[in-house]
Amino acid sequence: MKENKFCALILAAGKGTRMKSDLAKVLHVLNGKPLLYYSIAAAKEAGAEKIVAVIGHQADKVREEFKYSGCIFVEQKPQLGTGHAVLQAKDVLVAYDGLTIILCGDVPLLKASTIKSLIDNHLTAKAVVSVLTTIPPPPHAYGRIVKDDKGNVLKIVEHKDATEDEKKIGEINTGIYCVDTKFLFSALGKVTKEERKWDTNIYRLADSGKDGLLPQRQRRANPHPKRRATIVAAKTGYKGSPYEGSPSKGQPRFQTRVIDPRTI
């Protein structure tokens, strides 16, 4: 098996309520292209063998817009959170013998080189699950990355649930992950309804020696799998869509990203 082969799973079901628009978030246009276009393009350029998009709000419109994209579409209905969204791709991906990169459909500033770096770091660390993180300037209300003294990710804490000490942590979750595919769907099956934020609990399940979530050959080769974080520059714009309230607000920022060679 080619070690770095991967498929991309793009979460694109959201309504985009904060954009103050009835249009599905990923259909908002930036620089002449719908937002989802950029996530698909980054995944293709990075070398994804398969791209699956989880759609929901205005699913028919999204399918029509991207009918020639080569994406496999799965629908999330009803929309019960990100963990539930990922599970909609189980039938398509569960037998895939490689990595799954989980992307957001509204992050047009993400570059293929960043996806490749996440994969490279994941493989080097022999991790089971890795998260792309960044350190944005305060104040912000993003989920914090809590690590042990060896750099392993212990948990992701939502801002509203964080202690005062945890709120002082600068490193935050971007919502972009690299996960062993078989582990991903085994672990999600163990996240309860009470643990609605799957990404805050999947790290708790990453001790395969305890939970037996990885195939036997991988447990033998790596009895103490790691949960890692790959940090990228905050200026790359990982807070999601580069605008809220009005698409025109994102245009100057996106154009800066296009012409600035210093961006990641």
C-alpha atoms as a PDB file:
ATOM      1  CA  MET A   1       0.000   0.000   0.000  1.00  0.00           C
ATOM      2  CA  LYS A   2       1.234   3.479  -0.832  1.00  0.00           C
ATOM      3  CA  GLU A   3       1.699   4.980   2.611  1.00  0.00           C
ATOM      4  CA  ASN A   4       0.617   8.524   1.832  1.00  0.00           C
ATOM      5  CA  LYS A   5      -2.426   7.727  -0.301  1.00  0.00           C
ATOM      6  CA  PHE A   6      -5.555   9.475   0.891  1.00  0.00           C
ATOM      7  CA  CYS A   7      -9.126  10.379   0.146  1.00  0.00           C
ATOM      8  CA  ALA A   8     -10.690  13.724   0.970  1.00  0.00           C
ATOM      9  CA  LEU A   9     -13.945  14.072   2.883  1.00  0.00           C
ATOM     10  CA  ILE A  10     -15.336  17.589   2.556  1.00  0.00           C
ATOM     11  CA  LEU A  11     -18.015  18.758   4.986  1.00  0.00           C
ATOM     12  CA  ALA A  12     -20.345  20.948   2.928  1.00  0.00           C
ATOM     13  CA  ALA A  13     -23.814  20.583   4.427  1.00  0.00           C
ATOM     14  CA  GLY A  14     -24.054  23.853   6.360  1.00  0.00           C
ATOM     15  CA  LYS A  15     -26.656  26.576   5.933  1.00  0.00           C
ATOM     16  CA  GLY A  16     -24.306  29.499   6.432  1.00  0.00           C
ATOM     17  CA  THR A  17     -26.596  31.244   8.897  1.00  0.00           C
ATOM     18  CA  ARG A  18     -23.954  33.788   9.922  1.00  0.00           C
ATOM     19  CA  MET A  19     -23.675  34.931   6.320  1.00  0.00           C
ATOM     20  CA  LYS A  20     -27.202  36.338   6.566  1.00  0.00           C
ATOM     21  CA  SER A  21     -28.195  34.583   3.362  1.00  0.00           C
ATOM     22  CA  ASP A  22     -30.564  31.802   2.336  1.00  0.00           C
ATOM     23  CA  LEU A  23     -27.930  30.394  -0.017  1.00  0.00           C
ATOM     24  CA  ALA A  24     -25.980  27.309   1.099  1.00  0.00           C
ATOM     25  CA  LYS A  25     -22.666  28.397   2.589  1.00  0.00           C
ATOM     26  CA  VAL A  26     -20.512  26.532   0.058  1.00  0.00           C
ATOM     27  CA  LEU A  27     -22.351  28.142  -2.889  1.00  0.00           C
ATOM     28  CA  HIS A  28     -21.413  31.685  -1.938  1.00  0.00           C
ATOM     29  CA  VAL A  29     -19.139  33.076  -4.622  1.00  0.00           C
ATOM     30  CA  LEU A  30     -15.618  34.349  -3.990  1.00  0.00           C
ATOM     31  CA  ASN A  31     -13.473  35.634  -6.841  1.00  0.00           C
ATOM     32  CA  GLY A  32     -15.909  34.157  -9.359  1.00  0.00           C
ATOM     33  CA  LYS A  33     -16.042  30.639  -7.871  1.00  0.00           C
ATOM     34  CA  PRO A  34     -18.276  28.996  -5.241  1.00  0.00           C
ATOM     35  CA  LEU A  35     -16.461  28.385  -1.949  1.00  0.00           C
ATOM     36  CA  LEU A  36     -16.594  24.614  -2.325  1.00  0.00           C
ATOM     37  CA  TYR A  37     -14.611  24.865  -5.559  1.00  0.00           C
ATOM     38  CA  TYR A  38     -11.471  25.836  -3.635  1.00  0.00           C
ATOM     39  CA  SER A  39     -11.619  22.913  -1.211  1.00  0.00           C
ATOM     40  CA  ILE A  40     -12.112  20.474  -4.092  1.00  0.00           C
ATOM     41  CA  ALA A  41      -9.260  22.053  -6.054  1.00  0.00           C
ATOM     42  CA  ALA A  42      -6.891  21.877  -3.060  1.00  0.00           C
ATOM     43  CA  ALA A  43      -7.757  18.211  -2.473  1.00  0.00           C
ATOM     44  CA  LYS A  44      -7.186  17.336  -6.134  1.00  0.00           C
ATOM     45  CA  GLU A  45      -3.887  19.201  -6.286  1.00  0.00           C
ATOM     46  CA  ALA A  46      -2.718  17.470  -3.100  1.00  0.00           C
ATOM     47  CA  GLY A  47      -3.346  14.094  -4.753  1.00  0.00           C
ATOM     48  CA  ALA A  48      -6.620  12.805  -3.305  1.00  0.00           C
ATOM     49  CA  GLU A  49      -7.566   9.449  -4.824  1.00  0.00           C
ATOM     50  CA  LYS A  50     -11.230  10.028  -4.086  1.00  0.00           C
ATOM     51  CA  ILE A  51     -13.203  13.099  -2.994  1.00  0.00           C
ATOM     52  CA  VAL A  52     -16.441  12.751  -1.071  1.00  0.00           C
ATOM     53  CA  ALA A  53     -18.564  15.791  -0.248  1.00  0.00           C
ATOM     54  CA  VAL A  54     -21.185  15.645   2.488  1.00  0.00           C
ATOM     55  CA  ILE A  55     -24.016  17.945   1.458  1.00  0.00           C
ATOM     56  CA  GLY A  56     -27.278  18.903   3.094  1.00  0.00           C
ATOM     57  CA  HIS A  57     -28.748  22.389   2.795  1.00  0.00           C
ATOM     58  CA  GLN A  58     -29.788  22.948  -0.833  1.00  0.00           C
ATOM     59  CA  ALA A  59     -28.214  19.621  -1.748  1.00  0.00           C
ATOM     60  CA  ASP A  60     -29.695  19.581  -5.265  1.00  0.00           C
ATOM     61  CA  LYS A  61     -28.196  22.992  -6.053  1.00  0.00           C
ATOM     62  CA  VAL A  62     -24.780  21.892  -4.812  1.00  0.00           C
ATOM     63  CA  ARG A  63     -24.925  18.689  -6.875  1.00  0.00           C
ATOM     64  CA  GLU A  64     -25.896  20.645  -9.981  1.00  0.00           C
ATOM     65  CA  GLU A  65     -23.156  23.229  -9.500  1.00  0.00           C
ATOM     66  CA  PHE A  66     -20.465  20.553  -9.084  1.00  0.00           C
ATOM     67  CA  LYS A  67     -21.823  17.782 -11.315  1.00  0.00           C
ATOM     68  CA  TYR A  68     -18.597  17.695 -13.349  1.00  0.00           C
ATOM     69  CA  SER A  69     -16.241  17.942 -10.369  1.00  0.00           C
ATOM     70  CA  GLY A  70     -15.660  14.206  -9.965  1.00  0.00           C
ATOM     71  CA  CYS A  71     -16.940  14.341  -6.381  1.00  0.00           C
ATOM     72  CA  ILE A  72     -18.986  11.607  -4.805  1.00  0.00           C
ATOM     73  CA  PHE A  73     -21.909  13.240  -2.996  1.00  0.00           C
ATOM     74  CA  VAL A  74     -23.545  11.867   0.128  1.00  0.00           C
ATOM     75  CA  GLU A  75     -26.400  13.664   1.808  1.00  0.00           C
ATOM     76  CA  GLN A  76     -26.743  14.435   5.508  1.00  0.00           C
ATOM     77  CA  LYS A  77     -30.426  14.502   6.346  1.00  0.00           C
ATOM     78  CA  PRO A  78     -31.234  15.619   8.984  1.00  0.00           C
ATOM     79  CA  GLN A  79     -28.130  17.628   9.904  1.00  0.00           C
ATOM     80  CA  LEU A  80     -27.072  16.445  13.359  1.00  0.00           C
ATOM     81  CA  GLY A  81     -23.551  17.830  13.667  1.00  0.00           C
ATOM     82  CA  THR A  82     -20.114  17.128  12.236  1.00  0.00           C
ATOM     83  CA  GLY A  83     -19.751  13.601  13.615  1.00  0.00           C
ATOM     84  CA  HIS A  84     -23.044  12.625  12.032  1.00  0.00           C
ATOM     85  CA  ALA A  85     -21.905  14.291   8.804  1.00  0.00           C
ATOM     86  CA  VAL A  86     -18.730  12.198   8.663  1.00  0.00           C
ATOM     87  CA  LEU A  87     -20.726   9.019   9.300  1.00  0.00           C
ATOM     88  CA  GLN A  88     -22.761   9.648   6.146  1.00  0.00           C
ATOM     89  CA  ALA A  89     -19.639   8.745   4.155  1.00  0.00           C
ATOM     90  CA  LYS A  90     -19.130   5.419   5.925  1.00  0.00           C
ATOM     91  CA  ASP A  91     -20.537   3.226   3.138  1.00  0.00           C
ATOM     92  CA  VAL A  92     -18.301   4.976   0.595  1.00  0.00           C
ATOM     93  CA  LEU A  93     -15.073   5.031   2.605  1.00  0.00           C
ATOM     94  CA  VAL A  94     -15.103   2.333   5.287  1.00  0.00           C
ATOM     95  CA  ALA A  95     -13.251  -0.183   3.089  1.00  0.00           C
ATOM     96  CA  TYR A  96     -10.669   2.376   1.954  1.00  0.00           C
ATOM     97  CA  ASP A  97      -7.161   1.243   2.896  1.00  0.00           C
ATOM     98  CA  GLY A  98      -5.543   4.615   3.427  1.00  0.00           C
ATOM     99  CA  LEU A  99      -5.917   7.960   5.133  1.00  0.00           C
ATOM    100  CA  THR A 100      -8.921  10.257   5.186  1.00  0.00           C
ATOM    101  CA  ILE A 101      -8.374  14.005   5.146  1.00  0.00           C
ATOM    102  CA  ILE A 102     -11.387  15.814   6.579  1.00  0.00           C
ATOM    103  CA  LEU A 103     -11.792  19.281   5.096  1.00  0.00           C
ATOM    104  CA  CYS A 104     -14.319  22.067   5.386  1.00  0.00           C
ATOM    105  CA  GLY A 105     -16.142  23.257   2.301  1.00  0.00           C
ATOM    106  CA  ASP A 106     -15.825  26.911   3.231  1.00  0.00           C
ATOM    107  CA  VAL A 107     -12.046  27.358   3.585  1.00  0.00           C
ATOM    108  CA  PRO A 108     -10.905  28.843   0.247  1.00  0.00           C
ATOM    109  CA  LEU A 109      -7.485  29.837   1.582  1.00  0.00           C
ATOM    110  CA  LEU A 110      -6.328  26.271   2.191  1.00  0.00           C
ATOM    111  CA  LYS A 111      -3.428  25.221  -0.027  1.00  0.00           C
ATOM    112  CA  ALA A 112      -2.533  21.782  -1.335  1.00  0.00           C
ATOM    113  CA  SER A 113       0.938  22.117   0.203  1.00  0.00           C
ATOM    114  CA  THR A 114      -0.654  22.453   3.651  1.00  0.00           C
ATOM    115  CA  ILE A 115      -2.636  19.243   3.143  1.00  0.00           C
ATOM    116  CA  LYS A 116       0.568  17.478   2.082  1.00  0.00           C
ATOM    117  CA  SER A 117       2.409  18.782   5.151  1.00  0.00           C
ATOM    118  CA  LEU A 118      -0.363  17.517   7.414  1.00  0.00           C
ATOM    119  CA  ILE A 119      -0.089  14.058   5.835  1.00  0.00           C
ATOM    120  CA  ASP A 120       3.722  14.022   6.004  1.00  0.00           C
ATOM    121  CA  ASN A 121       3.717  14.993   9.687  1.00  0.00           C
ATOM    122  CA  HIS A 122       1.011  12.435  10.417  1.00  0.00           C
ATOM    123  CA  LEU A 123       3.038   9.636   8.849  1.00  0.00           C
ATOM    124  CA  THR A 124       6.335  10.728  10.403  1.00  0.00           C
ATOM    125  CA  ALA A 125       4.770  10.727  13.860  1.00  0.00           C
ATOM    126  CA  LYS A 126       3.059   7.365  13.218  1.00  0.00           C
ATOM    127  CA  ALA A 127      -0.124   9.030  14.404  1.00  0.00           C
ATOM    128  CA  VAL A 128      -3.632   7.616  14.269  1.00  0.00           C
ATOM    129  CA  VAL A 129      -5.269  11.020  14.102  1.00  0.00           C
ATOM    130  CA  SER A 130      -3.778  14.456  13.450  1.00  0.00           C
ATOM    131  CA  VAL A 131      -5.363  17.879  13.509  1.00  0.00           C
ATOM    132  CA  LEU A 132      -4.297  20.995  11.650  1.00  0.00           C
ATOM    133  CA  THR A 133      -3.933  23.838  14.128  1.00  0.00           C
ATOM    134  CA  THR A 134      -2.922  27.462  14.160  1.00  0.00           C
ATOM    135  CA  ILE A 135      -2.260  30.253  16.644  1.00  0.00           C
ATOM    136  CA  PRO A 136      -4.422  33.257  15.752  1.00  0.00           C
ATOM    137  CA  PRO A 137      -4.191  36.637  17.444  1.00  0.00           C
ATOM    138  CA  PRO A 138      -6.575  37.063  20.403  1.00  0.00           C
ATOM    139  CA  PRO A 139      -9.343  37.567  21.216  1.00  0.00           C
ATOM    140  CA  HIS A 140     -11.114  34.596  19.650  1.00  0.00           C
ATOM    141  CA  ALA A 141     -13.572  31.862  20.581  1.00  0.00           C
ATOM    142  CA  TYR A 142     -12.094  28.818  18.859  1.00  0.00           C
ATOM    143  CA  GLY A 143     -11.614  25.336  20.312  1.00  0.00           C
ATOM    144  CA  ARG A 144      -8.303  24.986  22.208  1.00  0.00           C
ATOM    145  CA  ILE A 145      -5.762  22.212  21.667  1.00  0.00           C
ATOM    146  CA  VAL A 146      -4.739  20.591  24.968  1.00  0.00           C
ATOM    147  CA  LYS A 147      -1.522  18.538  24.806  1.00  0.00           C
ATOM    148  CA  ASP A 148       0.580  16.417  27.125  1.00  0.00           C
ATOM    149  CA  ASP A 149       4.278  17.055  27.746  1.00  0.00           C
ATOM    150  CA  LYS A 150       5.200  14.889  24.748  1.00  0.00           C
ATOM    151  CA  GLY A 151       3.130  16.915  22.296  1.00  0.00           C
ATOM    152  CA  ASN A 152       0.296  14.416  22.018  1.00  0.00           C
ATOM    153  CA  VAL A 153      -3.143  15.967  21.686  1.00  0.00           C
ATOM    154  CA  LEU A 154      -5.160  15.040  24.764  1.00  0.00           C
ATOM    155  CA  LYS A 155      -8.366  16.800  23.815  1.00  0.00           C
ATOM    156  CA  ILE A 156      -9.949  19.696  21.982  1.00  0.00           C
ATOM    157  CA  VAL A 157     -11.924  21.964  24.272  1.00  0.00           C
ATOM    158  CA  GLU A 158     -14.627  24.263  22.960  1.00  0.00           C
ATOM    159  CA  HIS A 159     -14.198  27.869  24.084  1.00  0.00           C
ATOM    160  CA  LYS A 160     -17.476  27.843  26.002  1.00  0.00           C
ATOM    161  CA  ASP A 161     -16.412  24.715  27.900  1.00  0.00           C
ATOM    162  CA  ALA A 162     -12.800  25.765  28.553  1.00  0.00           C
ATOM    163  CA  THR A 163     -11.419  26.638  31.972  1.00  0.00           C
ATOM    164  CA  GLU A 164      -9.678  29.970  32.437  1.00  0.00           C
ATOM    165  CA  ASP A 165      -6.303  28.220  32.111  1.00  0.00           C
ATOM    166  CA  GLU A 166      -7.395  26.450  28.931  1.00  0.00           C
ATOM    167  CA  LYS A 167      -8.542  29.741  27.435  1.00  0.00           C
ATOM    168  CA  LYS A 168      -4.956  30.957  27.744  1.00  0.00           C
ATOM    169  CA  ILE A 169      -3.835  28.283  25.272  1.00  0.00           C
ATOM    170  CA  GLY A 170      -3.000  29.946  21.953  1.00  0.00           C
ATOM    171  CA  GLU A 171      -3.192  26.892  19.686  1.00  0.00           C
ATOM    172  CA  ILE A 172      -6.634  26.315  18.193  1.00  0.00           C
ATOM    173  CA  ASN A 173      -8.498  23.749  16.104  1.00  0.00           C
ATOM    174  CA  THR A 174      -9.029  24.495  12.389  1.00  0.00           C
ATOM    175  CA  GLY A 175     -11.454  21.607  11.830  1.00  0.00           C
ATOM    176  CA  ILE A 176      -9.093  19.920   9.346  1.00  0.00           C
ATOM    177  CA  TYR A 177      -7.913  16.383  10.173  1.00  0.00           C
ATOM    178  CA  CYS A 178      -5.854  13.465   8.935  1.00  0.00           C
ATOM    179  CA  VAL A 179      -7.154  10.129  10.207  1.00  0.00           C
ATOM    180  CA  ASP A 180      -6.604   6.435   9.567  1.00  0.00           C
ATOM    181  CA  THR A 181      -9.839   5.600   7.735  1.00  0.00           C
ATOM    182  CA  LYS A 182     -10.634   2.349   9.512  1.00  0.00           C
ATOM    183  CA  PHE A 183      -9.951   3.944  12.894  1.00  0.00           C
ATOM    184  CA  LEU A 184     -12.149   6.910  11.987  1.00  0.00           C
ATOM    185  CA  PHE A 185     -15.329   4.930  11.485  1.00  0.00           C
ATOM    186  CA  SER A 186     -14.631   2.538  14.358  1.00  0.00           C
ATOM    187  CA  ALA A 187     -14.084   5.471  16.715  1.00  0.00           C
ATOM    188  CA  LEU A 188     -17.140   7.388  15.533  1.00  0.00           C
ATOM    189  CA  GLY A 189     -19.246   4.353  16.328  1.00  0.00           C
ATOM    190  CA  LYS A 190     -18.174   4.716  19.951  1.00  0.00           C
ATOM    191  CA  VAL A 191     -18.944   8.424  20.293  1.00  0.00           C
ATOM    192  CA  THR A 192     -22.257   8.654  22.118  1.00  0.00           C
ATOM    193  CA  LYS A 193     -25.102  11.071  21.499  1.00  0.00           C
ATOM    194  CA  GLU A 194     -24.074  12.856  24.676  1.00  0.00           C
ATOM    195  CA  GLU A 195     -20.608  13.410  23.157  1.00  0.00           C
ATOM    196  CA  ARG A 196     -21.974  15.436  20.291  1.00  0.00           C
ATOM    197  CA  LYS A 197     -18.680  17.108  19.404  1.00  0.00           C
ATOM    198  CA  TRP A 198     -17.001  14.104  17.793  1.00  0.00           C
ATOM    199  CA  ASP A 199     -13.695  15.932  17.274  1.00  0.00           C
ATOM    200  CA  THR A 200     -13.405  16.701  20.984  1.00  0.00           C
ATOM    201  CA  ASN A 201     -13.818  13.009  21.843  1.00  0.00           C
ATOM    202  CA  ILE A 202     -12.029  11.148  19.064  1.00  0.00           C
ATOM    203  CA  TYR A 203      -8.691  11.795  20.762  1.00  0.00           C
ATOM    204  CA  ARG A 204      -9.952  10.029  23.863  1.00  0.00           C
ATOM    205  CA  LEU A 205     -10.544   6.978  21.678  1.00  0.00           C
ATOM    206  CA  ALA A 206      -7.183   7.037  19.921  1.00  0.00           C
ATOM    207  CA  ASP A 207      -5.532   4.646  22.383  1.00  0.00           C
ATOM    208  CA  SER A 208      -6.006   1.603  20.162  1.00  0.00           C
ATOM    209  CA  GLY A 209      -4.257  -0.647  22.652  1.00  0.00           C
ATOM    210  CA  LYS A 210      -7.129  -0.016  25.045  1.00  0.00           C
ATOM    211  CA  ASP A 211     -10.065   0.179  22.669  1.00  0.00           C
ATOM    212  CA  GLY A 212      -8.930  -2.128  19.856  1.00  0.00           C
ATOM    213  CA  LEU A 213     -10.116   0.276  17.183  1.00  0.00           C
ATOM    214  CA  LEU A 214      -7.292  -0.346  14.728  1.00  0.00           C
ATOM    215  CA  PRO A 215      -6.684  -3.436  12.598  1.00  0.00           C
ATOM    216  CA  GLN A 216      -4.513  -6.026  14.352  1.00  0.00           C
ATOM    217  CA  ARG A 217      -1.518  -5.555  12.053  1.00  0.00           C
ATOM    218  CA  GLN A 218      -1.445  -1.839  12.853  1.00  0.00           C
ATOM    219  CA  ARG A 219      -1.731  -2.470  16.583  1.00  0.00           C
ATOM    220  CA  ARG A 220       1.259  -4.792  16.396  1.00  0.00           C
ATOM    221  CA  ALA A 221       3.318  -2.297  14.392  1.00  0.00           C
ATOM    222  CA  ASN A 222       2.318   0.689  16.498  1.00  0.00           C
ATOM    223  CA  PRO A 223       1.086  -0.324  19.973  1.00  0.00           C
ATOM    224  CA  HIS A 224       1.095   3.268  21.260  1.00  0.00           C
ATOM    225  CA  PRO A 225      -0.325   5.409  18.429  1.00  0.00           C
ATOM    226  CA  LYS A 226      -0.056   9.148  18.737  1.00  0.00           C
ATOM    227  CA  ARG A 227      -2.522  11.997  18.405  1.00  0.00           C
ATOM    228  CA  ARG A 228      -0.656  14.858  16.806  1.00  0.00           C
ATOM    229  CA  ALA A 229      -1.126  18.468  15.774  1.00  0.00           C
ATOM    230  CA  THR A 230       0.413  20.240  12.776  1.00  0.00           C
ATOM    231  CA  ILE A 231       0.649  24.001  13.286  1.00  0.00           C
ATOM    232  CA  VAL A 232       0.358  26.392  10.343  1.00  0.00           C
ATOM    233  CA  ALA A 233       0.553  30.166  10.142  1.00  0.00           C
ATOM    234  CA  ALA A 234      -2.565  32.015  11.265  1.00  0.00           C
ATOM    235  CA  LYS A 235      -2.444  34.336   8.252  1.00  0.00           C
ATOM    236  CA  THR A 236      -3.558  31.438   6.053  1.00  0.00           C
ATOM    237  CA  GLY A 237      -7.132  32.113   7.181  1.00  0.00           C
ATOM    238  CA  TYR A 238      -8.299  28.910   8.822  1.00  0.00           C
ATOM    239  CA  LYS A 239     -11.189  30.445  10.692  1.00  0.00           C
ATOM    240  CA  GLY A 240     -13.362  29.222   7.859  1.00  0.00           C
ATOM    241  CA  SER A 241     -15.098  31.369   5.326  1.00  0.00           C
ATOM    242  CA  PRO A 242     -13.192  34.663   4.976  1.00  0.00           C
ATOM    243  CA  TYR A 243     -16.318  36.676   5.426  1.00  0.00           C
ATOM    244  CA  GLU A 244     -19.461  36.758   7.488  1.00  0.00           C
ATOM    245  CA  GLY A 245     -22.485  38.834   6.651  1.00  0.00           C
ATOM    246  CA  SER A 246     -21.451  39.855   3.137  1.00  0.00           C
ATOM    247  CA  PRO A 247     -19.504  37.986   0.425  1.00  0.00           C
ATOM    248  CA  SER A 248     -17.920  41.255  -0.724  1.00  0.00           C
ATOM    249  CA  LYS A 249     -16.041  41.489   2.582  1.00  0.00           C
ATOM    250  CA  GLY A 250     -14.000  38.440   1.663  1.00  0.00           C
ATOM    251  CA  GLN A 251     -12.815  39.624  -1.739  1.00  0.00           C
ATOM    252  CA  PRO A 252      -9.827  41.812  -0.727  1.00  0.00           C
ATOM    253  CA  ARG A 253      -8.608  39.212   1.737  1.00  0.00           C
ATOM    254  CA  PHE A 254      -8.827  36.438  -0.865  1.00  0.00           C
ATOM    255  CA  GLN A 255      -7.012  38.510  -3.479  1.00  0.00           C
ATOM    256  CA  THR A 256      -4.235  39.157  -0.961  1.00  0.00           C
ATOM    257  CA  ARG A 257      -3.929  35.394  -0.488  1.00  0.00           C
ATOM    258  CA  VAL A 258      -3.687  34.885  -4.265  1.00  0.00           C
ATOM    259  CA  ILE A 259      -0.870  37.377  -4.881  1.00  0.00           C
ATOM    260  CA  ASP A 260       1.079  37.067  -1.618  1.00  0.00           C
ATOM    261  CA  PRO A 261       3.802  34.382  -2.007  1.00  0.00           C
ATOM    262  CA  ARG A 262       4.419  34.378   1.734  1.00  0.00           C
ATOM    263  CA  THR A 263       1.118  32.680   2.514  1.00  0.00           C
ATOM    264  CA  ILE A 264       1.276  29.054   3.502  1.00  0.00           C
END
